[in-house]
Amino acid sequence: MKPSNCWPNSRKALNKFVILIVTVVLCCAGTSLYAQAMLPPAEHTIEVMLTPASGQIEINDKVRIEGRENYVFRLAPWLNIESVSLDGQSLRVTSRGHEHAVELPDRGTHVIGFILSGVIPGRGTRQSSTAMQSSSGSDGVYLPGYDAWIPLDDYA
């Protein structure tokens, strides 16, 4: 009786199966990344109370978002989070350094309300890693959009 030669056939089948699994995983990962890239940008409705002489600022920002499981954002280091609400209900923010996150109950449309306060650094103060940083002085205030003086996410 001749020994069975099924190992080479099994190996080919196993290789095809592994290739199929890898292809499915890569397609799913690509679809997920594509879906994240297609998220609508956050819409900010901002009210700012500013005292230019002292650099004191209070910000009321309502951020409308949709299609996300969470909202991860950063803030300028000179800002304090006074309160956060989700669809009108008080909410806690998870923070790690200057990166913050808000967990959302579903991927629907939500409004996150932020009340922020702080003192804009005077000119020449190094509190930001950006070359052109927020600054205040006797001749006014400068707040660049990328300096995160409002909650700034990666989709902005």
N, C-alpha and C. Protein backbone atom coordinates (compact mmCIF):
# COMPACT_ATOMS: atom_id res chain seq x y z
N MET A 1 0.83 -1.17 0.00
CA MET A 1 0.00 0.00 0.00
C MET A 1 0.88 1.24 0.00
N LYS A 2 0.55 2.14 -0.79
CA LYS A 2 1.31 3.36 -0.97
C LYS A 2 0.88 4.39 0.08
N PRO A 3 1.85 5.11 0.76
CA PRO A 3 1.46 6.12 1.75
C PRO A 3 0.72 7.28 1.09
N SER A 4 -0.18 7.87 1.84
CA SER A 4 -0.98 8.99 1.34
C SER A 4 -0.12 10.23 1.15
N ASN A 5 -0.37 10.92 0.13
CA ASN A 5 0.36 12.14 -0.18
C ASN A 5 -0.53 13.37 0.05
N CYS A 6 -1.31 13.35 1.12
CA CYS A 6 -2.27 14.43 1.34
C CYS A 6 -1.64 15.68 1.95
N TRP A 7 -0.46 15.60 2.55
CA TRP A 7 0.16 16.79 3.19
C TRP A 7 0.36 17.94 2.20
N PRO A 8 0.91 17.72 1.02
CA PRO A 8 1.07 18.85 0.11
C PRO A 8 -0.26 19.52 -0.24
N ASN A 9 -1.32 18.75 -0.41
CA ASN A 9 -2.63 19.34 -0.72
C ASN A 9 -3.17 20.12 0.48
N SER A 10 -2.97 19.56 1.69
CA SER A 10 -3.42 20.26 2.88
C SER A 10 -2.67 21.57 3.07
N ARG A 11 -1.40 21.55 2.74
CA ARG A 11 -0.58 22.76 2.88
C ARG A 11 -1.05 23.85 1.93
N LYS A 12 -1.37 23.46 0.69
CA LYS A 12 -1.89 24.43 -0.27
C LYS A 12 -3.21 25.02 0.22
N ALA A 13 -4.07 24.18 0.74
CA ALA A 13 -5.36 24.64 1.26
C ALA A 13 -5.15 25.59 2.44
N LEU A 14 -4.21 25.25 3.32
CA LEU A 14 -3.90 26.10 4.47
C LEU A 14 -3.37 27.45 4.02
N ASN A 15 -2.47 27.46 3.04
CA ASN A 15 -1.93 28.71 2.51
C ASN A 15 -3.05 29.58 1.93
N LYS A 16 -3.96 28.97 1.18
CA LYS A 16 -5.08 29.73 0.60
C LYS A 16 -5.97 30.29 1.70
N PHE A 17 -6.18 29.48 2.74
CA PHE A 17 -7.01 29.94 3.86
C PHE A 17 -6.36 31.13 4.56
N VAL A 18 -5.06 31.05 4.82
CA VAL A 18 -4.33 32.14 5.47
C VAL A 18 -4.40 33.41 4.62
N ILE A 19 -4.20 33.27 3.31
CA ILE A 19 -4.28 34.42 2.41
C ILE A 19 -5.68 35.03 2.45
N LEU A 20 -6.70 34.19 2.47
CA LEU A 20 -8.07 34.68 2.55
C LEU A 20 -8.31 35.46 3.84
N ILE A 21 -7.87 34.92 4.98
CA ILE A 21 -8.05 35.58 6.27
C ILE A 21 -7.32 36.93 6.30
N VAL A 22 -6.09 36.96 5.83
CA VAL A 22 -5.31 38.21 5.80
C VAL A 22 -6.00 39.24 4.91
N THR A 23 -6.51 38.81 3.77
CA THR A 23 -7.21 39.72 2.87
C THR A 23 -8.45 40.31 3.53
N VAL A 24 -9.24 39.48 4.20
CA VAL A 24 -10.45 39.96 4.88
C VAL A 24 -10.09 40.96 5.98
N VAL A 25 -9.06 40.65 6.78
CA VAL A 25 -8.65 41.55 7.86
C VAL A 25 -8.20 42.88 7.30
N LEU A 26 -7.39 42.87 6.23
CA LEU A 26 -6.91 44.12 5.64
C LEU A 26 -8.06 44.93 5.04
N CYS A 27 -9.00 44.27 4.43
CA CYS A 27 -10.16 44.97 3.86
C CYS A 27 -10.98 45.63 4.97
N CYS A 28 -11.20 44.91 6.06
CA CYS A 28 -11.97 45.47 7.17
C CYS A 28 -11.24 46.66 7.79
N ALA A 29 -9.93 46.55 7.97
CA ALA A 29 -9.15 47.65 8.53
C ALA A 29 -9.19 48.85 7.59
N GLY A 30 -9.06 48.60 6.31
CA GLY A 30 -9.11 49.69 5.33
C GLY A 30 -10.46 50.37 5.30
N THR A 31 -11.53 49.59 5.40
CA THR A 31 -12.87 50.15 5.44
C THR A 31 -13.07 51.01 6.67
N SER A 32 -12.56 50.55 7.82
CA SER A 32 -12.67 51.31 9.05
C SER A 32 -11.92 52.63 8.95
N LEU A 33 -10.70 52.60 8.43
CA LEU A 33 -9.92 53.83 8.27
C LEU A 33 -10.60 54.77 7.28
N TYR A 34 -11.16 54.22 6.21
CA TYR A 34 -11.85 55.04 5.23
C TYR A 34 -13.09 55.69 5.85
N ALA A 35 -13.82 54.93 6.66
CA ALA A 35 -15.01 55.47 7.32
C ALA A 35 -14.63 56.59 8.28
N GLN A 36 -13.52 56.43 9.02
CA GLN A 36 -13.08 57.50 9.91
C GLN A 36 -12.68 58.74 9.13
N ALA A 37 -12.01 58.54 8.02
CA ALA A 37 -11.58 59.68 7.21
C ALA A 37 -12.77 60.41 6.61
N MET A 38 -13.89 59.74 6.44
CA MET A 38 -15.08 60.34 5.84
C MET A 38 -16.02 60.97 6.87
N LEU A 39 -15.63 60.99 8.14
CA LEU A 39 -16.49 61.59 9.16
C LEU A 39 -16.68 63.07 8.88
N PRO A 40 -17.89 63.57 9.07
CA PRO A 40 -18.09 65.01 8.90
C PRO A 40 -17.30 65.76 9.98
N PRO A 41 -16.75 66.91 9.64
CA PRO A 41 -15.98 67.65 10.64
C PRO A 41 -16.89 68.17 11.76
N ALA A 42 -16.30 68.38 12.92
CA ALA A 42 -17.04 68.96 14.04
C ALA A 42 -17.42 70.39 13.68
N GLU A 43 -18.61 70.81 14.08
CA GLU A 43 -19.08 72.17 13.85
C GLU A 43 -19.09 72.91 15.18
N HIS A 44 -18.32 73.98 15.28
CA HIS A 44 -18.21 74.75 16.52
C HIS A 44 -19.10 75.99 16.46
N THR A 45 -19.83 76.24 17.53
CA THR A 45 -20.55 77.50 17.74
C THR A 45 -19.92 78.11 18.98
N ILE A 46 -19.20 79.22 18.80
CA ILE A 46 -18.33 79.73 19.86
C ILE A 46 -18.77 81.12 20.31
N GLU A 47 -18.80 81.28 21.63
CA GLU A 47 -18.97 82.60 22.25
C GLU A 47 -17.72 82.86 23.07
N VAL A 48 -17.10 84.02 22.89
CA VAL A 48 -15.87 84.35 23.60
C VAL A 48 -16.06 85.65 24.36
N MET A 49 -15.70 85.63 25.65
CA MET A 49 -15.66 86.84 26.46
C MET A 49 -14.19 87.09 26.75
N LEU A 50 -13.69 88.25 26.33
CA LEU A 50 -12.27 88.51 26.38
C LEU A 50 -11.99 89.85 27.02
N THR A 51 -10.99 89.87 27.90
CA THR A 51 -10.49 91.11 28.47
C THR A 51 -9.07 91.28 27.94
N PRO A 52 -8.90 92.06 26.86
CA PRO A 52 -7.59 92.15 26.22
C PRO A 52 -6.47 92.64 27.15
N ALA A 53 -6.75 93.57 28.03
CA ALA A 53 -5.70 94.12 28.89
C ALA A 53 -5.08 93.06 29.79
N SER A 54 -5.90 92.15 30.32
CA SER A 54 -5.38 91.12 31.23
C SER A 54 -5.15 89.78 30.54
N GLY A 55 -5.73 89.62 29.34
CA GLY A 55 -5.62 88.35 28.63
C GLY A 55 -6.61 87.30 29.13
N GLN A 56 -7.49 87.68 30.06
CA GLN A 56 -8.50 86.75 30.59
C GLN A 56 -9.50 86.41 29.49
N ILE A 57 -9.80 85.11 29.36
CA ILE A 57 -10.73 84.66 28.33
C ILE A 57 -11.67 83.61 28.91
N GLU A 58 -12.92 83.68 28.49
CA GLU A 58 -13.92 82.66 28.80
C GLU A 58 -14.54 82.24 27.48
N ILE A 59 -14.63 80.94 27.29
CA ILE A 59 -15.10 80.40 26.01
C ILE A 59 -16.26 79.46 26.27
N ASN A 60 -17.35 79.67 25.54
CA ASN A 60 -18.48 78.76 25.55
C ASN A 60 -18.55 78.19 24.14
N ASP A 61 -18.24 76.91 24.00
CA ASP A 61 -18.17 76.27 22.69
C ASP A 61 -19.13 75.10 22.65
N LYS A 62 -20.02 75.10 21.68
CA LYS A 62 -20.93 73.97 21.46
C LYS A 62 -20.45 73.29 20.18
N VAL A 63 -20.05 72.02 20.34
CA VAL A 63 -19.48 71.26 19.23
C VAL A 63 -20.50 70.21 18.79
N ARG A 64 -20.92 70.32 17.53
CA ARG A 64 -21.87 69.35 16.97
C ARG A 64 -21.05 68.31 16.21
N ILE A 65 -21.22 67.04 16.60
CA ILE A 65 -20.48 65.95 15.96
C ILE A 65 -21.45 64.83 15.60
N GLU A 66 -21.04 64.02 14.65
CA GLU A 66 -21.85 62.85 14.30
C GLU A 66 -20.96 61.73 13.78
N GLY A 67 -21.44 60.51 13.95
CA GLY A 67 -20.77 59.34 13.41
C GLY A 67 -19.54 58.88 14.18
N ARG A 68 -19.43 59.28 15.44
CA ARG A 68 -18.24 58.92 16.21
C ARG A 68 -18.62 58.18 17.49
N GLU A 69 -17.71 57.35 17.96
CA GLU A 69 -17.90 56.66 19.24
C GLU A 69 -17.35 57.48 20.39
N ASN A 70 -16.40 58.37 20.08
CA ASN A 70 -15.84 59.25 21.09
C ASN A 70 -15.34 60.52 20.41
N TYR A 71 -15.06 61.52 21.22
CA TYR A 71 -14.52 62.77 20.71
C TYR A 71 -13.21 63.01 21.46
N VAL A 72 -12.10 62.87 20.73
CA VAL A 72 -10.78 63.07 21.31
C VAL A 72 -10.28 64.42 20.84
N PHE A 73 -9.82 65.25 21.78
CA PHE A 73 -9.42 66.60 21.44
C PHE A 73 -8.26 67.05 22.31
N ARG A 74 -7.64 68.14 21.90
CA ARG A 74 -6.58 68.74 22.72
C ARG A 74 -6.93 70.20 22.96
N LEU A 75 -6.34 70.73 24.03
CA LEU A 75 -6.55 72.13 24.40
C LEU A 75 -5.21 72.77 24.70
N ALA A 76 -5.15 74.07 24.51
CA ALA A 76 -3.95 74.81 24.87
C ALA A 76 -3.70 74.62 26.37
N PRO A 77 -2.44 74.54 26.78
CA PRO A 77 -2.13 74.27 28.19
C PRO A 77 -2.58 75.36 29.15
N TRP A 78 -2.86 76.55 28.67
CA TRP A 78 -3.27 77.64 29.55
C TRP A 78 -4.79 77.70 29.75
N LEU A 79 -5.52 76.75 29.18
CA LEU A 79 -6.97 76.71 29.35
C LEU A 79 -7.39 75.71 30.43
N ASN A 80 -8.45 76.07 31.15
CA ASN A 80 -9.06 75.19 32.15
C ASN A 80 -10.43 74.77 31.65
N ILE A 81 -10.78 73.50 31.84
CA ILE A 81 -12.12 73.02 31.51
C ILE A 81 -12.98 73.25 32.74
N GLU A 82 -13.93 74.18 32.63
CA GLU A 82 -14.83 74.48 33.75
C GLU A 82 -15.98 73.48 33.81
N SER A 83 -16.55 73.16 32.63
CA SER A 83 -17.62 72.15 32.58
C SER A 83 -17.77 71.63 31.17
N VAL A 84 -18.33 70.41 31.08
CA VAL A 84 -18.61 69.77 29.80
C VAL A 84 -19.97 69.11 29.90
N SER A 85 -20.75 69.23 28.83
CA SER A 85 -22.05 68.57 28.80
C SER A 85 -22.22 67.85 27.47
N LEU A 86 -23.01 66.79 27.50
CA LEU A 86 -23.34 66.04 26.29
C LEU A 86 -24.84 66.09 26.12
N ASP A 87 -25.29 66.72 25.05
CA ASP A 87 -26.72 66.87 24.79
C ASP A 87 -27.44 67.46 26.00
N GLY A 88 -26.80 68.43 26.67
CA GLY A 88 -27.40 69.12 27.80
C GLY A 88 -27.19 68.48 29.16
N GLN A 89 -26.62 67.28 29.21
CA GLN A 89 -26.39 66.58 30.48
C GLN A 89 -24.91 66.67 30.86
N SER A 90 -24.65 66.94 32.13
CA SER A 90 -23.28 67.05 32.62
C SER A 90 -22.48 65.79 32.28
N LEU A 91 -21.21 65.97 31.99
CA LEU A 91 -20.39 64.88 31.50
C LEU A 91 -18.97 65.03 32.04
N ARG A 92 -18.31 63.90 32.25
CA ARG A 92 -16.90 63.89 32.67
C ARG A 92 -16.00 63.68 31.47
N VAL A 93 -14.85 64.32 31.51
CA VAL A 93 -13.85 64.20 30.46
C VAL A 93 -12.68 63.37 31.00
N THR A 94 -12.19 62.46 30.19
CA THR A 94 -10.99 61.71 30.53
C THR A 94 -9.81 62.48 29.96
N SER A 95 -8.81 62.75 30.80
CA SER A 95 -7.67 63.55 30.36
C SER A 95 -6.36 62.82 30.58
N ARG A 96 -5.46 63.02 29.63
CA ARG A 96 -4.09 62.54 29.75
C ARG A 96 -3.21 63.62 29.13
N GLY A 97 -2.56 64.40 30.00
CA GLY A 97 -1.79 65.55 29.52
C GLY A 97 -2.73 66.57 28.93
N HIS A 98 -2.45 66.99 27.71
CA HIS A 98 -3.31 67.97 27.04
C HIS A 98 -4.26 67.32 26.04
N GLU A 99 -4.32 65.96 26.07
CA GLU A 99 -5.28 65.24 25.24
C GLU A 99 -6.44 64.79 26.11
N HIS A 100 -7.63 65.03 25.63
CA HIS A 100 -8.84 64.74 26.39
C HIS A 100 -9.78 63.91 25.52
N ALA A 101 -10.70 63.18 26.17
CA ALA A 101 -11.65 62.35 25.43
C ALA A 101 -13.00 62.36 26.11
N VAL A 102 -14.03 62.32 25.29
CA VAL A 102 -15.42 62.21 25.74
C VAL A 102 -16.00 60.98 25.06
N GLU A 103 -16.51 60.04 25.85
CA GLU A 103 -17.15 58.85 25.30
C GLU A 103 -18.59 59.21 24.92
N LEU A 104 -19.04 58.74 23.77
CA LEU A 104 -20.38 59.03 23.29
C LEU A 104 -21.24 57.77 23.37
N PRO A 105 -22.54 57.91 23.61
CA PRO A 105 -23.40 56.72 23.76
C PRO A 105 -23.65 55.97 22.46
N ASP A 106 -23.53 56.65 21.32
CA ASP A 106 -23.75 56.02 20.02
C ASP A 106 -23.13 56.89 18.95
N ARG A 107 -23.25 56.45 17.70
CA ARG A 107 -22.64 57.19 16.58
C ARG A 107 -23.60 58.23 15.99
N GLY A 108 -24.64 58.57 16.69
CA GLY A 108 -25.59 59.56 16.21
C GLY A 108 -25.01 60.97 16.27
N THR A 109 -25.90 61.94 16.12
CA THR A 109 -25.51 63.35 16.20
C THR A 109 -25.63 63.80 17.64
N HIS A 110 -24.57 64.45 18.13
CA HIS A 110 -24.53 64.92 19.52
C HIS A 110 -23.96 66.34 19.57
N VAL A 111 -24.32 67.05 20.64
CA VAL A 111 -23.75 68.37 20.90
C VAL A 111 -23.02 68.30 22.23
N ILE A 112 -21.72 68.59 22.17
CA ILE A 112 -20.90 68.66 23.38
C ILE A 112 -20.70 70.12 23.71
N GLY A 113 -21.08 70.51 24.92
CA GLY A 113 -20.92 71.90 25.36
C GLY A 113 -19.70 72.03 26.26
N PHE A 114 -18.84 72.98 25.95
CA PHE A 114 -17.64 73.23 26.74
C PHE A 114 -17.69 74.64 27.31
N ILE A 115 -17.35 74.78 28.57
CA ILE A 115 -17.09 76.09 29.15
C ILE A 115 -15.64 76.06 29.60
N LEU A 116 -14.84 76.95 29.01
CA LEU A 116 -13.41 76.99 29.23
C LEU A 116 -13.01 78.37 29.73
N SER A 117 -11.93 78.44 30.48
CA SER A 117 -11.43 79.74 30.93
C SER A 117 -9.92 79.67 31.06
N GLY A 118 -9.30 80.84 31.06
CA GLY A 118 -7.86 80.90 31.23
C GLY A 118 -7.34 82.30 31.01
N VAL A 119 -6.04 82.40 31.07
CA VAL A 119 -5.36 83.66 30.80
C VAL A 119 -4.41 83.39 29.63
N ILE A 120 -4.62 84.12 28.55
CA ILE A 120 -3.78 83.96 27.37
C ILE A 120 -2.37 84.41 27.75
N PRO A 121 -1.36 83.59 27.46
CA PRO A 121 0.00 83.96 27.85
C PRO A 121 0.44 85.27 27.21
N GLY A 122 1.24 86.04 27.94
CA GLY A 122 1.80 87.28 27.38
C GLY A 122 2.81 86.97 26.32
N ARG A 123 3.09 87.93 25.47
CA ARG A 123 4.08 87.73 24.41
C ARG A 123 5.42 87.36 25.03
N GLY A 124 6.11 86.42 24.38
CA GLY A 124 7.40 85.98 24.87
C GLY A 124 7.31 84.83 25.86
N THR A 125 6.09 84.46 26.27
CA THR A 125 5.91 83.34 27.20
C THR A 125 5.86 82.06 26.40
N ARG A 126 6.64 81.06 26.74
CA ARG A 126 6.68 79.79 26.01
C ARG A 126 5.78 78.77 26.71
N GLN A 127 4.49 78.78 26.43
CA GLN A 127 3.58 77.77 26.98
C GLN A 127 2.99 76.90 25.90
N SER A 128 3.40 77.10 24.68
CA SER A 128 2.88 76.31 23.57
C SER A 128 4.05 75.79 22.76
N SER A 129 3.86 74.63 22.14
CA SER A 129 4.93 74.06 21.33
C SER A 129 4.93 74.63 19.92
N THR A 130 3.95 75.44 19.57
CA THR A 130 3.89 75.99 18.22
C THR A 130 4.75 77.24 18.12
N ALA A 131 5.25 77.50 16.92
CA ALA A 131 6.11 78.67 16.71
C ALA A 131 5.31 79.95 16.89
N MET A 132 4.12 80.02 16.30
CA MET A 132 3.25 81.18 16.47
C MET A 132 2.22 80.80 17.51
N GLN A 133 2.38 81.27 18.72
CA GLN A 133 1.50 80.85 19.80
C GLN A 133 0.51 81.95 20.17
N SER A 134 -0.53 81.55 20.90
CA SER A 134 -1.47 82.53 21.42
C SER A 134 -0.71 83.49 22.30
N SER A 135 -1.06 84.76 22.22
CA SER A 135 -0.38 85.74 23.05
C SER A 135 -1.27 86.95 23.28
N SER A 136 -0.99 87.66 24.35
CA SER A 136 -1.72 88.89 24.65
C SER A 136 -0.72 89.95 25.05
N GLY A 137 -1.13 91.17 24.91
CA GLY A 137 -0.29 92.29 25.28
C GLY A 137 -1.09 93.57 25.22
N SER A 138 -0.44 94.70 25.43
CA SER A 138 -1.15 95.97 25.48
C SER A 138 -1.79 96.34 24.15
N ASP A 139 -1.28 95.77 23.05
CA ASP A 139 -1.85 96.10 21.74
C ASP A 139 -2.85 95.07 21.24
N GLY A 140 -3.26 94.11 22.06
CA GLY A 140 -4.28 93.17 21.65
C GLY A 140 -3.96 91.72 21.98
N VAL A 141 -4.71 90.83 21.33
CA VAL A 141 -4.63 89.40 21.59
C VAL A 141 -4.52 88.67 20.26
N TYR A 142 -3.73 87.59 20.25
CA TYR A 142 -3.60 86.76 19.06
C TYR A 142 -3.93 85.32 19.42
N LEU A 143 -4.91 84.72 18.71
CA LEU A 143 -5.33 83.34 18.96
C LEU A 143 -5.33 82.58 17.63
N PRO A 144 -4.22 81.91 17.28
CA PRO A 144 -4.22 81.14 16.03
C PRO A 144 -5.10 79.90 16.16
N GLY A 145 -5.74 79.50 15.08
CA GLY A 145 -6.66 78.37 15.10
C GLY A 145 -6.03 77.06 15.52
N TYR A 146 -4.78 76.82 15.17
CA TYR A 146 -4.13 75.55 15.47
C TYR A 146 -3.60 75.47 16.89
N ASP A 147 -3.71 76.53 17.68
CA ASP A 147 -3.16 76.52 19.04
C ASP A 147 -4.13 75.93 20.06
N ALA A 148 -5.24 75.38 19.60
CA ALA A 148 -6.20 74.65 20.44
C ALA A 148 -6.79 75.52 21.54
N TRP A 149 -7.18 76.74 21.24
CA TRP A 149 -7.88 77.56 22.21
C TRP A 149 -9.37 77.23 22.22
N ILE A 150 -9.78 76.34 21.33
CA ILE A 150 -11.08 75.65 21.39
C ILE A 150 -10.73 74.17 21.29
N PRO A 151 -11.62 73.25 21.70
CA PRO A 151 -11.32 71.83 21.57
C PRO A 151 -11.00 71.48 20.12
N LEU A 152 -9.81 71.03 19.88
CA LEU A 152 -9.32 70.77 18.53
C LEU A 152 -9.09 69.27 18.35
N ASP A 153 -9.81 68.66 17.39
CA ASP A 153 -9.63 67.23 17.13
C ASP A 153 -8.81 67.01 15.87
N ASP A 154 -8.52 65.77 15.57
CA ASP A 154 -7.67 65.45 14.41
C ASP A 154 -8.39 65.59 13.09
N TYR A 155 -9.69 65.82 13.09
CA TYR A 155 -10.44 65.94 11.85
C TYR A 155 -10.64 67.38 11.43
N ALA A 156 -10.08 68.31 12.21
CA ALA A 156 -10.28 69.75 11.90
C ALA A 156 -9.52 70.15 10.66
